[in-house]
C-alpha atoms as a PDB file:
ATOM      1  CA  MET A   1      29.737  -3.846  -6.721  1.00  0.00           C
ATOM      2  CA  GLN A   2      27.472  -1.108  -5.361  1.00  0.00           C
ATOM      3  CA  HIS A   3      27.904   1.250  -2.418  1.00  0.00           C
ATOM      4  CA  THR A   4      25.515   3.898  -1.142  1.00  0.00           C
ATOM      5  CA  ILE A   5      27.179   6.848   0.518  1.00  0.00           C
ATOM      6  CA  GLN A   6      25.235   9.632   2.196  1.00  0.00           C
ATOM      7  CA  ILE A   7      27.309  12.761   2.629  1.00  0.00           C
ATOM      8  CA  ASN A   8      26.771  16.481   3.051  1.00  0.00           C
ATOM      9  CA  THR A   9      28.117  18.585   0.176  1.00  0.00           C
ATOM     10  CA  SER A  10      30.292  20.505   2.643  1.00  0.00           C
ATOM     11  CA  GLN A  11      32.259  17.279   3.175  1.00  0.00           C
ATOM     12  CA  LEU A  12      33.015  16.681  -0.517  1.00  0.00           C
ATOM     13  CA  ASP A  13      36.749  17.061  -1.092  1.00  0.00           C
ATOM     14  CA  ALA A  14      39.746  15.303  -2.606  1.00  0.00           C
ATOM     15  CA  LYS A  15      39.786  12.836   0.316  1.00  0.00           C
ATOM     16  CA  PHE A  16      36.259  11.718  -0.653  1.00  0.00           C
ATOM     17  CA  LEU A  17      37.355  11.067  -4.244  1.00  0.00           C
ATOM     18  CA  THR A  18      40.379   9.173  -2.997  1.00  0.00           C
ATOM     19  CA  SER A  19      38.135   6.916  -0.907  1.00  0.00           C
ATOM     20  CA  ILE A  20      35.923   6.217  -3.955  1.00  0.00           C
ATOM     21  CA  LYS A  21      39.024   5.298  -5.966  1.00  0.00           C
ATOM     22  CA  SER A  22      40.237   2.987  -3.198  1.00  0.00           C
ATOM     23  CA  ILE A  23      36.879   1.211  -3.046  1.00  0.00           C
ATOM     24  CA  PHE A  24      36.432   0.697  -6.810  1.00  0.00           C
ATOM     25  CA  GLY A  25      40.001   0.685  -8.109  1.00  0.00           C
ATOM     26  CA  LYS A  26      40.490   1.339 -11.818  1.00  0.00           C
ATOM     27  CA  ARG A  27      36.942   0.519 -12.924  1.00  0.00           C
ATOM     28  CA  ASP A  28      34.267   2.545 -14.655  1.00  0.00           C
ATOM     29  CA  VAL A  29      31.679   3.779 -12.157  1.00  0.00           C
ATOM     30  CA  LYS A  30      28.369   5.613 -12.297  1.00  0.00           C
ATOM     31  CA  ILE A  31      27.870   8.410  -9.780  1.00  0.00           C
ATOM     32  CA  ILE A  32      24.295   9.544  -9.151  1.00  0.00           C
ATOM     33  CA  VAL A  33      23.706  12.597  -6.995  1.00  0.00           C
ATOM     34  CA  GLU A  34      20.262  13.050  -5.489  1.00  0.00           C
ATOM     35  CA  ASP A  35      18.833  15.485  -2.960  1.00  0.00           C
ATOM     36  CA  ILE A  36      17.785  13.318  -0.026  1.00  0.00           C
ATOM     37  CA  GLU A  37      14.989  15.586   1.192  1.00  0.00           C
ATOM     38  CA  THR A  38      13.429  15.795  -2.279  1.00  0.00           C
ATOM     39  CA  SER A  39      13.629  12.083  -2.918  1.00  0.00           C
ATOM     40  CA  HIS A  40      12.159  11.343   0.525  1.00  0.00           C
ATOM     41  CA  SER A  41       9.127  13.585  -0.037  1.00  0.00           C
ATOM     42  CA  GLU A  42       8.607  12.161  -3.535  1.00  0.00           C
ATOM     43  CA  SER A  43       8.783   8.673  -2.082  1.00  0.00           C
ATOM     44  CA  LYS A  44       6.190   9.531   0.563  1.00  0.00           C
ATOM     45  CA  HIS A  45       3.966  11.069  -2.109  1.00  0.00           C
ATOM     46  CA  SER A  46       4.078   7.894  -4.204  1.00  0.00           C
ATOM     47  CA  GLU A  47       3.367   5.744  -1.131  1.00  0.00           C
ATOM     48  CA  VAL A  48       0.310   7.835  -0.263  1.00  0.00           C
ATOM     49  CA  LYS A  49      -0.906   7.711  -3.868  1.00  0.00           C
ATOM     50  CA  ARG A  50      -0.471   3.920  -3.960  1.00  0.00           C
ATOM     51  CA  PHE A  51      -2.386   3.589  -0.677  1.00  0.00           C
ATOM     52  CA  LEU A  52      -5.240   5.788  -1.909  1.00  0.00           C
ATOM     53  CA  ASP A  53      -5.450   3.829  -5.169  1.00  0.00           C
ATOM     54  CA  HIS A  54      -5.546   0.611  -3.170  1.00  0.00           C
ATOM     55  CA  ARG A  55      -8.326   1.929  -0.919  1.00  0.00           C
ATOM     56  CA  LYS A  56     -10.346   3.094  -3.931  1.00  0.00           C
ATOM     57  CA  ASN A  57     -10.129  -0.331  -5.596  1.00  0.00           C
ATOM     58  CA  ARG A  58     -10.666  -2.301  -2.400  1.00  0.00           C
ATOM     59  CA  PRO A  59     -13.251  -0.645  -0.162  1.00  0.00           C
ATOM     60  CA  SER A  60     -13.423  -1.486   3.516  1.00  0.00           C
ATOM     61  CA  GLU A  61     -15.617  -4.334   4.586  1.00  0.00           C
ATOM     62  CA  VAL A  62     -17.633  -4.342   7.775  1.00  0.00           C
ATOM     63  CA  ILE A  63     -17.371  -7.698   9.487  1.00  0.00           C
ATOM     64  CA  SER A  64     -20.441  -8.720  11.433  1.00  0.00           C
ATOM     65  CA  ASP A  65     -20.219 -10.827  14.554  1.00  0.00           C
ATOM     66  CA  GLN A  66     -21.760 -13.782  12.711  1.00  0.00           C
ATOM     67  CA  LYS A  67     -19.177 -13.815   9.900  1.00  0.00           C
ATOM     68  CA  ASP A  68     -16.310 -16.299  10.169  1.00  0.00           C
ATOM     69  CA  PHE A  69     -13.074 -14.308  10.423  1.00  0.00           C
ATOM     70  CA  ASN A  70     -11.084 -17.106   8.738  1.00  0.00           C
ATOM     71  CA  GLU A  71     -13.357 -16.833   5.713  1.00  0.00           C
ATOM     72  CA  VAL A  72     -12.612 -13.108   5.475  1.00  0.00           C
ATOM     73  CA  ILE A  73      -8.860 -13.796   5.622  1.00  0.00           C
ATOM     74  CA  SER A  74      -9.200 -16.439   2.902  1.00  0.00           C
ATOM     75  CA  ASP A  75     -10.976 -13.910   0.677  1.00  0.00           C
ATOM     76  CA  ILE A  76      -8.217 -11.358   1.239  1.00  0.00           C
ATOM     77  CA  ASN A  77      -5.442 -13.851   0.456  1.00  0.00           C
ATOM     78  CA  LEU A  78      -6.877 -14.868  -2.907  1.00  0.00           C
END
């Protein structure tokens, strides 16, 4: 079982721990704490990098009026 809980550190108290215990019972759990703002900016950075890599490897193509658009789509969907 997995739950994602987003909470401000000012709200962390014994009641929070009690709710975790009630959800998972007497099982071993892994708790990962991550700064949301940091992870969000890192995620955006990796998305931009992936996009730029994609653009570098697949340059834009100018489609003339005479070219069949369906043929272009077929080439893209290799």
